[in-house]
Amino acid sequence: MNRHADRDADGFQRDAKKHLGQNFLHERGVIERIVQAIDPQPGDAIVEIGPGQGALTFPLLDRHGALTAIEFDRDLHAPLQAAAREHGDLKLIEGDVLGVDFTALAAELGVEKIRLAGNLPYNLSSPILFHALDHANAIRDMHFMLQKEVVERMAAPPGNKVYGRLSVMLQAYCTVTPLFTVPPGAFRPAPKVDSAVVRLLPRAADSIGIDDRARFAAIVRAAFGQRRKTLRNALAGTMEAETIAAAGLDPGARAEQLSVAEFVRLAGFRAA
């Protein structure tokens, strides 16, 4: 029995690891559209999250010449490094992206801001997005492939049935622009749902208007904790109904009725 039979000619394992949420992108047309959307420029420090088997990594290297990638699966490290030599300079960070300090990484790469990209595992997409928000001042933009329904939640307006905590938190700190949908057949193995590519542009710090990020996050989390509750009830123990009214909002409204700007105003309001 050939112990290498489960690997392809480049040394990559043929089968994706389900417990890591791996779905390897292979559709060339989709890959080209992502590279065009990113549009690498000289001097850019591009950081790819989850390069997998290099479907996006190698075209980005061909276009840009250098790339930093963060990969959790140790079995991918050696074949990635070996295959990358034909395309450009790959700096590979081994480990969990949630443990990577993007602010420190930008400094290490000698730039003020990095550019993030990647096909995010469905089971970790929200934690990765929130982790990126924590370092938004060191990120110029983000181009991610995600489950389509997650992208819809990210970009949803107030009143939409999928407008929620993720929508408010991301839109408060970033401009969220869905770019295009990707069918299951573009991946191996094919997932059971559509995917989508989204662009996030972090807002300038002086345009956000949030002085206390922890308070803002706590209020948004509480407001959407039980969607059917009114603000008066959802924020009980966090903010009095009189304070909500004094901020110019209806205590009888539900969280999905408030705009991002209204959440910012609510979190920033202090009763006299």
Protein backbone atom coordinates (compact mmCIF):
# COMPACT_ATOMS: atom_id res chain seq x y z
CA MET A 1 0.00 0.00 0.00
CA ASN A 2 1.41 3.38 -0.99
CA ARG A 3 1.24 5.69 2.04
CA HIS A 4 1.36 8.70 -0.33
CA ALA A 5 -1.69 7.58 -2.30
CA ASP A 6 -3.87 10.04 -0.40
CA ARG A 7 -1.77 12.98 -1.64
CA ASP A 8 -1.66 14.69 -5.03
CA ALA A 9 1.41 15.43 -7.16
CA ASP A 10 2.14 18.59 -5.14
CA GLY A 11 2.03 16.77 -1.82
CA PHE A 12 -1.37 18.08 -0.72
CA GLN A 13 -3.81 15.71 0.93
CA ARG A 14 -6.61 14.83 -1.47
CA ASP A 15 -9.35 14.88 1.15
CA ALA A 16 -10.42 18.01 3.05
CA LYS A 17 -10.66 17.80 6.83
CA LYS A 18 -14.30 18.20 7.83
CA HIS A 19 -13.50 19.04 11.47
CA LEU A 20 -11.52 22.08 10.27
CA GLY A 21 -14.34 23.23 7.99
CA GLN A 22 -12.14 22.87 4.90
CA ASN A 23 -13.66 23.48 1.46
CA PHE A 24 -10.93 24.07 -1.12
CA LEU A 25 -11.68 26.61 -3.84
CA HIS A 26 -10.76 25.41 -7.33
CA GLU A 27 -12.86 27.36 -9.86
CA ARG A 28 -10.39 29.47 -11.85
CA GLY A 29 -12.92 32.10 -12.90
CA VAL A 30 -13.91 32.76 -9.28
CA ILE A 31 -10.27 32.96 -8.21
CA GLU A 32 -9.53 35.51 -10.93
CA ARG A 33 -12.48 37.65 -9.83
CA ILE A 34 -11.22 37.65 -6.23
CA VAL A 35 -7.71 38.66 -7.31
CA GLN A 36 -9.21 41.45 -9.44
CA ALA A 37 -11.29 42.63 -6.49
CA ILE A 38 -8.23 42.73 -4.24
CA ASP A 39 -6.19 44.44 -6.97
CA PRO A 40 -2.75 44.15 -5.30
CA GLN A 41 -0.52 47.19 -5.65
CA PRO A 42 3.23 47.66 -5.11
CA GLY A 43 4.01 48.10 -1.43
CA ASP A 44 0.87 46.30 -0.22
CA ALA A 45 1.25 43.86 2.66
CA ILE A 46 -1.35 41.21 1.89
CA VAL A 47 -2.17 38.65 4.57
CA GLU A 48 -4.20 35.59 3.59
CA ILE A 49 -6.19 33.72 6.22
CA GLY A 50 -6.40 29.97 5.56
CA PRO A 51 -4.53 29.51 2.27
CA GLY A 52 -5.54 25.85 2.14
CA GLN A 53 -3.95 24.31 -0.94
CA GLY A 54 -2.97 27.65 -2.44
CA ALA A 55 -5.85 28.24 -4.87
CA LEU A 56 -5.83 31.97 -4.12
CA THR A 57 -2.32 32.11 -2.67
CA PHE A 58 -0.43 31.26 -5.85
CA PRO A 59 -2.35 33.64 -8.18
CA LEU A 60 -1.82 36.43 -5.64
CA LEU A 61 1.90 35.59 -5.54
CA ASP A 62 2.02 35.58 -9.35
CA ARG A 63 0.43 39.03 -9.36
CA HIS A 64 2.14 40.58 -6.34
CA GLY A 65 5.35 38.62 -5.71
CA ALA A 66 5.05 38.38 -1.91
CA LEU A 67 2.41 37.26 0.55
CA THR A 68 1.97 36.40 4.22
CA ALA A 69 -0.40 33.54 5.00
CA ILE A 70 -1.79 32.11 8.25
CA GLU A 71 -2.58 28.39 8.21
CA PHE A 72 -3.74 26.21 11.11
CA ASP A 73 -3.45 22.80 9.40
CA ARG A 74 0.14 21.64 9.82
CA ASP A 75 -0.23 19.08 7.03
CA LEU A 76 -0.52 21.97 4.56
CA HIS A 77 2.62 23.85 5.59
CA ALA A 78 5.30 21.86 3.76
CA PRO A 79 3.46 21.49 0.42
CA LEU A 80 2.43 25.16 0.52
CA GLN A 81 6.02 26.30 1.03
CA ALA A 82 7.30 23.95 -1.66
CA ALA A 83 4.70 24.88 -4.27
CA ALA A 84 4.99 28.62 -3.53
CA ARG A 85 8.64 28.75 -4.63
CA GLU A 86 7.56 28.84 -8.28
CA HIS A 87 5.29 31.82 -7.68
CA GLY A 88 6.94 34.21 -5.23
CA ASP A 89 7.91 34.84 -1.63
CA LEU A 90 5.51 33.21 0.84
CA LYS A 91 5.85 34.00 4.55
CA LEU A 92 3.84 31.30 6.35
CA ILE A 93 2.58 31.76 9.90
CA GLU A 94 1.71 28.46 11.52
CA GLY A 95 -1.17 28.59 13.96
CA ASP A 96 -4.65 29.84 14.80
CA VAL A 97 -5.57 33.17 13.21
CA LEU A 98 -7.44 34.14 16.39
CA GLY A 99 -4.09 34.18 18.15
CA VAL A 100 -2.42 36.46 15.60
CA ASP A 101 -2.02 40.11 16.60
CA PHE A 102 -2.71 41.91 13.31
CA THR A 103 -1.45 45.22 14.72
CA ALA A 104 1.88 43.67 15.67
CA LEU A 105 2.01 41.85 12.32
CA ALA A 106 1.62 45.13 10.43
CA ALA A 107 4.56 46.55 12.38
CA GLU A 108 6.59 43.40 11.72
CA LEU A 109 5.90 43.70 7.99
CA GLY A 110 6.93 47.36 8.07
CA VAL A 111 3.60 48.85 7.07
CA GLU A 112 0.97 50.99 8.74
CA LYS A 113 -1.89 48.81 7.52
CA ILE A 114 -2.19 45.28 6.18
CA ARG A 115 -4.74 43.95 3.67
CA LEU A 116 -6.60 40.80 4.71
CA ALA A 117 -8.00 38.17 2.35
CA GLY A 118 -9.17 34.60 2.56
CA ASN A 119 -11.74 31.87 2.20
CA LEU A 120 -12.90 31.71 5.82
CA PRO A 121 -14.06 28.42 7.37
CA TYR A 122 -17.81 28.65 7.93
CA ASN A 123 -17.59 27.54 11.55
CA LEU A 124 -15.13 30.31 12.48
CA SER A 125 -16.22 33.21 10.27
CA SER A 126 -17.84 35.36 12.98
CA PRO A 127 -14.99 34.98 15.53
CA ILE A 128 -12.47 35.88 12.81
CA LEU A 129 -14.49 38.95 11.78
CA PHE A 130 -14.72 40.18 15.37
CA HIS A 131 -11.00 39.53 15.86
CA ALA A 132 -10.27 41.65 12.79
CA LEU A 133 -12.46 44.44 14.19
CA ASP A 134 -10.24 44.55 17.27
CA HIS A 135 -7.35 45.48 14.97
CA ALA A 136 -9.26 47.60 12.45
CA ASN A 137 -6.84 50.52 12.84
CA ALA A 138 -4.09 48.31 11.39
CA ILE A 139 -6.17 46.96 8.49
CA ARG A 140 -6.70 48.79 5.19
CA ASP A 141 -9.30 46.45 3.76
CA MET A 142 -10.59 42.88 3.86
CA HIS A 143 -11.79 40.59 1.08
CA PHE A 144 -13.37 37.41 2.40
CA MET A 145 -15.25 34.43 1.02
CA LEU A 146 -17.99 33.46 3.43
CA GLN A 147 -21.26 31.58 3.55
CA LYS A 148 -23.74 33.68 1.55
CA GLU A 149 -26.20 33.97 4.42
CA VAL A 150 -23.43 35.36 6.65
CA VAL A 151 -22.63 38.04 4.06
CA GLU A 152 -26.34 38.87 3.90
CA ARG A 153 -26.36 39.34 7.68
CA MET A 154 -23.21 41.46 7.54
CA ALA A 155 -24.72 43.90 5.02
CA ALA A 156 -28.38 43.84 6.16
CA PRO A 157 -30.15 47.18 6.74
CA PRO A 158 -32.39 47.94 9.77
CA GLY A 159 -35.76 46.23 9.57
CA ASN A 160 -34.41 43.29 7.58
CA LYS A 161 -35.14 39.90 9.13
CA VAL A 162 -31.42 39.02 9.23
CA TYR A 163 -30.29 42.42 10.59
CA GLY A 164 -28.66 41.72 13.93
CA ARG A 165 -25.60 42.00 16.14
CA LEU A 166 -23.18 41.07 13.37
CA SER A 167 -24.72 43.69 11.04
CA VAL A 168 -24.46 46.49 13.60
CA MET A 169 -20.98 45.68 14.87
CA LEU A 170 -19.44 45.37 11.40
CA GLN A 171 -21.25 48.36 9.87
CA ALA A 172 -20.31 50.56 12.84
CA TYR A 173 -16.62 50.07 12.09
CA CYS A 174 -16.56 49.20 8.38
CA THR A 175 -18.21 49.83 5.04
CA VAL A 176 -19.57 46.41 4.04
CA THR A 177 -19.96 45.68 0.31
CA PRO A 178 -21.10 42.26 -0.98
CA LEU A 179 -19.32 41.64 -4.31
CA PHE A 180 -20.56 38.40 -5.89
CA THR A 181 -22.05 34.98 -5.14
CA VAL A 182 -20.09 31.74 -5.56
CA PRO A 183 -21.89 28.41 -6.21
CA PRO A 184 -21.08 25.21 -4.29
CA GLY A 185 -19.44 23.64 -7.35
CA ALA A 186 -16.52 26.07 -7.08
CA PHE A 187 -15.26 24.12 -4.05
CA ARG A 188 -13.97 20.67 -3.26
CA PRO A 189 -15.82 19.17 -1.51
CA ALA A 190 -18.88 21.16 -2.56
CA PRO A 191 -20.65 22.72 0.46
CA LYS A 192 -24.42 22.49 0.74
CA VAL A 193 -24.86 26.27 0.57
CA ASP A 194 -23.87 29.19 -1.66
CA SER A 195 -20.91 31.36 -0.72
CA ALA A 196 -20.23 35.04 -1.38
CA VAL A 197 -17.28 37.40 -1.54
CA VAL A 198 -17.48 40.57 0.53
CA ARG A 199 -15.29 43.67 0.89
CA LEU A 200 -14.89 45.45 4.22
CA LEU A 201 -13.29 48.89 4.43
CA PRO A 202 -12.53 49.97 8.01
CA ARG A 203 -13.81 53.47 8.71
CA ALA A 204 -11.45 56.26 9.74
CA ALA A 205 -11.19 56.32 13.54
CA ASP A 206 -12.47 59.90 13.78
CA SER A 207 -15.64 59.05 11.82
CA ILE A 208 -16.86 56.16 13.97
CA GLY A 209 -18.09 58.14 16.97
CA ILE A 210 -17.70 55.32 19.50
CA ASP A 211 -15.75 56.38 22.60
CA ASP A 212 -16.28 53.22 24.64
CA ARG A 213 -16.04 50.14 22.41
CA ALA A 214 -16.80 47.73 25.26
CA ARG A 215 -19.97 49.60 26.23
CA PHE A 216 -21.12 49.76 22.61
CA ALA A 217 -20.55 46.01 22.16
CA ALA A 218 -22.36 45.21 25.41
CA ILE A 219 -25.42 47.29 24.48
CA VAL A 220 -25.65 45.79 20.98
CA ARG A 221 -25.25 42.27 22.39
CA ALA A 222 -27.94 42.83 25.02
CA ALA A 223 -30.33 44.53 22.59
CA PHE A 224 -30.24 41.56 20.21
CA GLY A 225 -30.00 38.93 22.95
CA GLN A 226 -33.74 38.28 22.73
CA ARG A 227 -34.97 39.82 19.51
CA ARG A 228 -38.65 39.87 20.45
CA LYS A 229 -38.03 42.02 23.51
CA THR A 230 -38.31 45.80 23.43
CA LEU A 231 -35.27 47.93 24.24
CA ARG A 232 -36.85 48.67 27.64
CA ASN A 233 -36.76 44.98 28.54
CA ALA A 234 -33.69 43.87 26.61
CA LEU A 235 -31.51 46.57 28.17
CA ALA A 236 -32.93 46.27 31.69
CA GLY A 237 -30.01 46.35 34.10
CA THR A 238 -27.84 48.04 31.48
CA MET A 239 -29.82 51.20 30.74
CA GLU A 240 -33.02 52.70 32.15
CA ALA A 241 -36.00 53.33 29.89
CA GLU A 242 -35.79 57.02 30.78
CA THR A 243 -32.21 57.13 29.52
CA ILE A 244 -33.21 55.43 26.26
CA ALA A 245 -35.94 58.04 25.79
CA ALA A 246 -33.56 60.87 26.70
CA ALA A 247 -31.25 59.62 23.93
CA GLY A 248 -34.11 60.25 21.51
CA LEU A 249 -35.15 56.62 21.05
CA ASP A 250 -38.38 54.77 21.77
CA PRO A 251 -37.96 52.34 24.71
CA GLY A 252 -40.78 50.32 23.15
CA ALA A 253 -38.85 49.75 19.91
CA ARG A 254 -37.05 46.49 19.13
CA ALA A 255 -33.37 46.23 18.30
CA GLU A 256 -33.89 45.47 14.61
CA GLN A 257 -35.65 48.82 14.18
CA LEU A 258 -32.60 50.87 15.21
CA SER A 259 -30.03 52.05 12.69
CA VAL A 260 -26.32 51.68 13.34
CA ALA A 261 -26.09 55.44 13.98
CA GLU A 262 -28.85 55.15 16.60
CA PHE A 263 -26.98 52.37 18.38
CA VAL A 264 -23.87 54.56 18.37
CA ARG A 265 -25.90 57.43 19.83
CA LEU A 266 -27.49 55.20 22.45
CA ALA A 267 -24.16 53.78 23.59
CA GLY A 268 -22.61 57.22 23.78
CA PHE A 269 -25.46 58.82 25.71
CA ARG A 270 -24.96 59.41 29.40
CA ALA A 271 -27.87 60.52 31.60
CA ALA A 272 -27.30 63.85 33.33
